[in-house]
Each structure stands twice: as structure tokens, then as C-alpha cells.
Amino acid sequence: MVKPRLVILIPVLVGIAVIAILFSRSSRPSPESAIASVEAPSPILTQSEVYRGPDGNAYLVEHGLPESTAAQDLKLVGRVVDGMHSLFKELDTRHVATNEQLSAFLTGANPEGLQYLDTDLPIFQNGLLCDRWGQAYIVHPLGTGQIEIRTIGADGIPYSDDDLVLQP
């Protein structure tokens, strides 16, 4: 004789197992929906961090960032120019006497065809190297291998009190 407790307990346990199986199947996404719901990871590195010059340096990683300063930006531009000088020791600065010429030189218009900077970097606007305020840097050759670079500052007025100058 079957005990009455077992008669009730077995169907209840079977029912719970069936419900658990059905519930677990319905809560699982199909393989198609699982693929569709996966989003591409957001990039950790900015474009300027990814691009590396011919010497392997990732130039201008921090240029124009809110937590940096215009003086730090200018130093970063100076690093790029120093890297350029390390490869072109006999550089006649008459060939990079303007922002336009320097920008072209740094993006591959040089005797070796080396591209230091990608023109898609935020520092480039209309083919010119620009400061954090969107103003083109002023490039002034001082002599063979020496270039002065000036940011005209937040006021946008060249040669005013808020200008910052990078001299070799």
C-alpha cells in the first residue's frame, strides 16, 4: 500500500521540477537574441592615443583635454617637433616656416614620407595644428633646426598677454 504522503509528495515534486525546467528555458535568450544584444565595447583609447608616429611614440595623447592646460598642450606639440628633429637633424626650418608647412611635414610631406601625426586627430582643423581654442598655432622659424611655436591664447588675439610661447 502506498503511503498517502508519498502520493501527494511525488506529483508536487514532479510539478515543481517541470515548472523549474520550463521557467529556466523561457528565461534563457535564444542564441540569435544573445548575439543581437551583445554591444561592441566602448573604446578605451582615443584616436590620438592609438596613432603612433614613426618612432613609436603616441603623440598628442593629452592635447586639449579638459584636465590639462594650454601650457601642457604646447609642450606636447614641442615633443612632436623634437621627434621630427631627431630624425631630420639637418632640417632647414625654411621648409617648415608656417603652420601649414609644419602640419604637412608632420603628416608625411617630408623627405622620408614619415607620418608623425594623423590628420584625423582633434588638433588638426582645416589642415592646421590648432590649440585648445581652435586657433591655429603660430609657427616661427628661428634658425636651422629651431622653431618657435605660439598659441594665441583664449582671447584669440596674437601677441597679447595671454599668449604662450614654446621656444627651443
C-alpha atoms as a PDB file:
ATOM      1  CA  MET A   1       0.000   0.000   0.000  1.00  0.00           C
ATOM      2  CA  VAL A   2       1.324   3.422  -0.944  1.00  0.00           C
ATOM      3  CA  LYS A   3       1.509   5.908   1.831  1.00  0.00           C
ATOM      4  CA  PRO A   4      -0.735   8.945   1.330  1.00  0.00           C
ATOM      5  CA  ARG A   5       2.127  11.345   1.918  1.00  0.00           C
ATOM      6  CA  LEU A   6       4.117   9.888  -0.988  1.00  0.00           C
ATOM      7  CA  VAL A   7       1.085  10.018  -3.260  1.00  0.00           C
ATOM      8  CA  ILE A   8       0.873  13.768  -2.684  1.00  0.00           C
ATOM      9  CA  LEU A   9       4.602  14.485  -2.453  1.00  0.00           C
ATOM     10  CA  ILE A  10       5.676  12.798  -5.715  1.00  0.00           C
ATOM     11  CA  PRO A  11       3.317  14.779  -8.017  1.00  0.00           C
ATOM     12  CA  VAL A  12       4.210  18.001  -6.191  1.00  0.00           C
ATOM     13  CA  LEU A  13       7.939  17.367  -6.685  1.00  0.00           C
ATOM     14  CA  VAL A  14       7.404  16.401 -10.320  1.00  0.00           C
ATOM     15  CA  GLY A  15       5.307  19.550 -10.834  1.00  0.00           C
ATOM     16  CA  ILE A  16       7.993  21.736  -9.256  1.00  0.00           C
ATOM     17  CA  ALA A  17      10.651  20.120 -11.469  1.00  0.00           C
ATOM     18  CA  VAL A  18       8.559  20.667 -14.618  1.00  0.00           C
ATOM     19  CA  ILE A  19       7.910  24.312 -13.704  1.00  0.00           C
ATOM     20  CA  ALA A  20      11.612  24.837 -12.960  1.00  0.00           C
ATOM     21  CA  ILE A  21      12.595  23.345 -16.314  1.00  0.00           C
ATOM     22  CA  LEU A  22      10.041  25.403 -18.219  1.00  0.00           C
ATOM     23  CA  PHE A  23      10.990  28.591 -16.382  1.00  0.00           C
ATOM     24  CA  SER A  24      14.709  28.101 -16.960  1.00  0.00           C
ATOM     25  CA  ARG A  25      14.133  27.538 -20.698  1.00  0.00           C
ATOM     26  CA  SER A  26      11.932  30.600 -21.125  1.00  0.00           C
ATOM     27  CA  SER A  27      14.353  32.907 -19.309  1.00  0.00           C
ATOM     28  CA  ARG A  28      17.293  31.873 -21.489  1.00  0.00           C
ATOM     29  CA  PRO A  29      17.754  34.019 -24.583  1.00  0.00           C
ATOM     30  CA  SER A  30      17.932  32.241 -27.894  1.00  0.00           C
ATOM     31  CA  PRO A  31      21.403  32.211 -29.466  1.00  0.00           C
ATOM     32  CA  GLU A  32      20.220  34.760 -32.051  1.00  0.00           C
ATOM     33  CA  SER A  33      18.942  37.213 -29.443  1.00  0.00           C
ATOM     34  CA  ALA A  34      22.062  36.733 -27.352  1.00  0.00           C
ATOM     35  CA  ILE A  35      24.212  37.746 -30.316  1.00  0.00           C
ATOM     36  CA  ALA A  36      21.989  40.706 -31.144  1.00  0.00           C
ATOM     37  CA  SER A  37      22.068  42.012 -27.587  1.00  0.00           C
ATOM     38  CA  VAL A  38      25.852  41.998 -27.290  1.00  0.00           C
ATOM     39  CA  GLU A  39      27.159  45.517 -27.783  1.00  0.00           C
ATOM     40  CA  ALA A  40      30.606  46.349 -29.001  1.00  0.00           C
ATOM     41  CA  PRO A  41      32.773  47.518 -26.133  1.00  0.00           C
ATOM     42  CA  SER A  42      33.274  51.236 -25.995  1.00  0.00           C
ATOM     43  CA  PRO A  43      36.799  52.219 -26.980  1.00  0.00           C
ATOM     44  CA  ILE A  44      39.142  52.812 -24.088  1.00  0.00           C
ATOM     45  CA  LEU A  45      41.699  54.689 -26.131  1.00  0.00           C
ATOM     46  CA  THR A  46      41.086  57.841 -28.068  1.00  0.00           C
ATOM     47  CA  GLN A  47      42.177  58.166 -31.649  1.00  0.00           C
ATOM     48  CA  SER A  48      45.173  60.238 -30.616  1.00  0.00           C
ATOM     49  CA  GLU A  49      46.248  57.552 -28.151  1.00  0.00           C
ATOM     50  CA  VAL A  50      46.056  54.865 -30.816  1.00  0.00           C
ATOM     51  CA  TYR A  51      48.051  56.644 -33.521  1.00  0.00           C
ATOM     52  CA  ARG A  52      51.818  56.289 -33.142  1.00  0.00           C
ATOM     53  CA  GLY A  53      54.474  58.194 -35.008  1.00  0.00           C
ATOM     54  CA  PRO A  54      57.360  56.542 -36.859  1.00  0.00           C
ATOM     55  CA  ASP A  55      59.429  56.399 -33.669  1.00  0.00           C
ATOM     56  CA  GLY A  56      56.639  54.539 -31.822  1.00  0.00           C
ATOM     57  CA  ASN A  57      55.539  57.444 -29.647  1.00  0.00           C
ATOM     58  CA  ALA A  58      51.833  58.132 -29.216  1.00  0.00           C
ATOM     59  CA  TYR A  59      51.964  61.870 -29.721  1.00  0.00           C
ATOM     60  CA  LEU A  60      49.356  64.333 -28.520  1.00  0.00           C
ATOM     61  CA  VAL A  61      47.559  61.843 -26.277  1.00  0.00           C
ATOM     62  CA  GLU A  62      46.546  64.557 -23.827  1.00  0.00           C
ATOM     63  CA  HIS A  63      46.356  67.585 -26.141  1.00  0.00           C
ATOM     64  CA  GLY A  64      43.256  69.665 -25.452  1.00  0.00           C
ATOM     65  CA  LEU A  65      41.878  67.518 -22.647  1.00  0.00           C
ATOM     66  CA  PRO A  66      39.889  69.448 -20.012  1.00  0.00           C
ATOM     67  CA  GLU A  67      42.164  68.261 -17.212  1.00  0.00           C
ATOM     68  CA  SER A  68      45.298  69.518 -18.966  1.00  0.00           C
ATOM     69  CA  THR A  69      46.432  73.089 -19.577  1.00  0.00           C
ATOM     70  CA  ALA A  70      47.361  75.107 -22.655  1.00  0.00           C
ATOM     71  CA  ALA A  71      50.974  75.077 -21.445  1.00  0.00           C
ATOM     72  CA  GLN A  72      50.912  71.272 -21.327  1.00  0.00           C
ATOM     73  CA  ASP A  73      49.386  71.211 -24.818  1.00  0.00           C
ATOM     74  CA  LEU A  74      52.211  73.381 -26.116  1.00  0.00           C
ATOM     75  CA  LYS A  75      54.797  71.073 -24.541  1.00  0.00           C
ATOM     76  CA  LEU A  76      53.162  68.111 -26.280  1.00  0.00           C
ATOM     77  CA  VAL A  77      53.448  69.901 -29.622  1.00  0.00           C
ATOM     78  CA  GLY A  78      57.084  70.572 -28.717  1.00  0.00           C
ATOM     79  CA  ARG A  79      57.624  66.822 -28.227  1.00  0.00           C
ATOM     80  CA  VAL A  80      56.364  66.217 -31.748  1.00  0.00           C
ATOM     81  CA  VAL A  81      58.728  68.851 -33.154  1.00  0.00           C
ATOM     82  CA  ASP A  82      61.614  67.375 -31.128  1.00  0.00           C
ATOM     83  CA  GLY A  83      60.816  63.927 -32.549  1.00  0.00           C
ATOM     84  CA  MET A  84      60.828  65.424 -36.016  1.00  0.00           C
ATOM     85  CA  HIS A  85      64.237  66.987 -35.337  1.00  0.00           C
ATOM     86  CA  SER A  86      65.628  63.685 -34.077  1.00  0.00           C
ATOM     87  CA  LEU A  87      65.015  62.153 -37.500  1.00  0.00           C
ATOM     88  CA  PHE A  88      65.800  65.218 -39.602  1.00  0.00           C
ATOM     89  CA  LYS A  89      68.851  66.662 -37.871  1.00  0.00           C
ATOM     90  CA  GLU A  90      69.795  68.843 -40.825  1.00  0.00           C
ATOM     91  CA  LEU A  91      66.299  70.240 -41.224  1.00  0.00           C
ATOM     92  CA  ASP A  92      66.195  73.657 -42.815  1.00  0.00           C
ATOM     93  CA  THR A  93      63.362  75.382 -40.977  1.00  0.00           C
ATOM     94  CA  ARG A  94      62.549  77.432 -44.049  1.00  0.00           C
ATOM     95  CA  HIS A  95      60.670  74.312 -45.189  1.00  0.00           C
ATOM     96  CA  VAL A  96      58.521  74.351 -42.035  1.00  0.00           C
ATOM     97  CA  ALA A  97      58.247  78.125 -41.610  1.00  0.00           C
ATOM     98  CA  THR A  98      54.450  78.217 -41.335  1.00  0.00           C
ATOM     99  CA  ASN A  99      51.798  76.198 -39.576  1.00  0.00           C
ATOM    100  CA  GLU A 100      50.636  74.883 -42.933  1.00  0.00           C
ATOM    101  CA  GLN A 101      54.148  73.709 -43.872  1.00  0.00           C
ATOM    102  CA  LEU A 102      54.800  72.200 -40.430  1.00  0.00           C
ATOM    103  CA  SER A 103      51.427  70.411 -40.493  1.00  0.00           C
ATOM    104  CA  ALA A 104      52.144  68.997 -43.954  1.00  0.00           C
ATOM    105  CA  PHE A 105      55.656  67.928 -42.884  1.00  0.00           C
ATOM    106  CA  LEU A 106      54.309  66.139 -39.785  1.00  0.00           C
ATOM    107  CA  THR A 107      51.629  64.328 -41.771  1.00  0.00           C
ATOM    108  CA  GLY A 108      54.023  62.853 -44.317  1.00  0.00           C
ATOM    109  CA  ALA A 109      55.120  65.615 -46.720  1.00  0.00           C
ATOM    110  CA  ASN A 110      58.785  65.252 -45.754  1.00  0.00           C
ATOM    111  CA  PRO A 111      61.838  63.728 -47.482  1.00  0.00           C
ATOM    112  CA  GLU A 112      61.257  60.302 -45.893  1.00  0.00           C
ATOM    113  CA  GLY A 113      57.461  60.313 -46.199  1.00  0.00           C
ATOM    114  CA  LEU A 114      57.172  59.654 -42.448  1.00  0.00           C
ATOM    115  CA  GLN A 115      53.801  60.420 -40.920  1.00  0.00           C
ATOM    116  CA  TYR A 116      54.134  61.672 -37.358  1.00  0.00           C
ATOM    117  CA  LEU A 117      50.523  62.709 -36.991  1.00  0.00           C
ATOM    118  CA  ASP A 118      47.216  61.579 -38.388  1.00  0.00           C
ATOM    119  CA  THR A 119      45.167  64.423 -39.858  1.00  0.00           C
ATOM    120  CA  ASP A 120      42.066  62.980 -38.163  1.00  0.00           C
ATOM    121  CA  LEU A 121      43.432  63.966 -34.744  1.00  0.00           C
ATOM    122  CA  PRO A 122      41.439  66.680 -32.972  1.00  0.00           C
ATOM    123  CA  ILE A 123      44.479  69.006 -33.015  1.00  0.00           C
ATOM    124  CA  PHE A 124      44.035  69.365 -36.809  1.00  0.00           C
ATOM    125  CA  GLN A 125      41.442  71.799 -38.060  1.00  0.00           C
ATOM    126  CA  ASN A 126      41.371  72.685 -41.737  1.00  0.00           C
ATOM    127  CA  GLY A 127      44.806  71.130 -42.163  1.00  0.00           C
ATOM    128  CA  LEU A 128      46.451  73.255 -39.442  1.00  0.00           C
ATOM    129  CA  LEU A 129      47.742  72.461 -35.967  1.00  0.00           C
ATOM    130  CA  CYS A 130      45.337  74.239 -33.616  1.00  0.00           C
ATOM    131  CA  ASP A 131      45.294  74.955 -29.898  1.00  0.00           C
ATOM    132  CA  ARG A 132      42.545  74.029 -27.463  1.00  0.00           C
ATOM    133  CA  TRP A 133      40.538  77.102 -28.507  1.00  0.00           C
ATOM    134  CA  GLY A 134      40.580  76.124 -32.177  1.00  0.00           C
ATOM    135  CA  GLN A 135      43.099  78.818 -33.112  1.00  0.00           C
ATOM    136  CA  ALA A 136      45.991  77.905 -35.387  1.00  0.00           C
ATOM    137  CA  TYR A 137      49.375  77.804 -33.687  1.00  0.00           C
ATOM    138  CA  ILE A 138      51.772  80.459 -34.933  1.00  0.00           C
ATOM    139  CA  VAL A 139      54.970  78.863 -36.234  1.00  0.00           C
ATOM    140  CA  HIS A 140      58.088  80.997 -36.500  1.00  0.00           C
ATOM    141  CA  PRO A 141      61.469  79.620 -37.618  1.00  0.00           C
ATOM    142  CA  LEU A 142      64.390  80.926 -35.568  1.00  0.00           C
ATOM    143  CA  GLY A 143      67.199  79.256 -37.477  1.00  0.00           C
ATOM    144  CA  THR A 144      68.272  75.885 -38.794  1.00  0.00           C
ATOM    145  CA  GLY A 145      66.534  73.308 -36.629  1.00  0.00           C
ATOM    146  CA  GLN A 146      64.843  75.827 -34.322  1.00  0.00           C
ATOM    147  CA  ILE A 147      61.151  76.647 -34.387  1.00  0.00           C
ATOM    148  CA  GLU A 148      59.150  78.859 -32.055  1.00  0.00           C
ATOM    149  CA  ILE A 149      55.523  77.832 -31.606  1.00  0.00           C
ATOM    150  CA  ARG A 150      52.956  80.203 -30.131  1.00  0.00           C
ATOM    151  CA  THR A 151      49.381  79.719 -29.012  1.00  0.00           C
ATOM    152  CA  ILE A 152      47.425  82.954 -29.171  1.00  0.00           C
ATOM    153  CA  GLY A 153      45.537  82.084 -26.023  1.00  0.00           C
ATOM    154  CA  ALA A 154      41.902  82.187 -25.030  1.00  0.00           C
ATOM    155  CA  ASP A 155      41.432  85.791 -26.163  1.00  0.00           C
ATOM    156  CA  GLY A 156      42.247  84.852 -29.766  1.00  0.00           C
ATOM    157  CA  ILE A 157      44.466  87.901 -30.196  1.00  0.00           C
ATOM    158  CA  PRO A 158      48.011  87.191 -31.423  1.00  0.00           C
ATOM    159  CA  TYR A 159      50.910  88.606 -29.448  1.00  0.00           C
ATOM    160  CA  SER A 160      48.792  89.580 -26.431  1.00  0.00           C
ATOM    161  CA  ASP A 161      49.486  88.960 -22.748  1.00  0.00           C
ATOM    162  CA  ASP A 162      47.836  85.547 -22.610  1.00  0.00           C
ATOM    163  CA  ASP A 163      49.930  84.035 -25.434  1.00  0.00           C
ATOM    164  CA  LEU A 164      52.098  81.054 -24.588  1.00  0.00           C
ATOM    165  CA  VAL A 165      55.340  80.518 -26.461  1.00  0.00           C
ATOM    166  CA  LEU A 166      57.418  77.388 -26.857  1.00  0.00           C
ATOM    167  CA  GLN A 167      60.995  78.166 -27.721  1.00  0.00           C
ATOM    168  CA  PRO A 168      63.696  75.606 -28.402  1.00  0.00           C
END
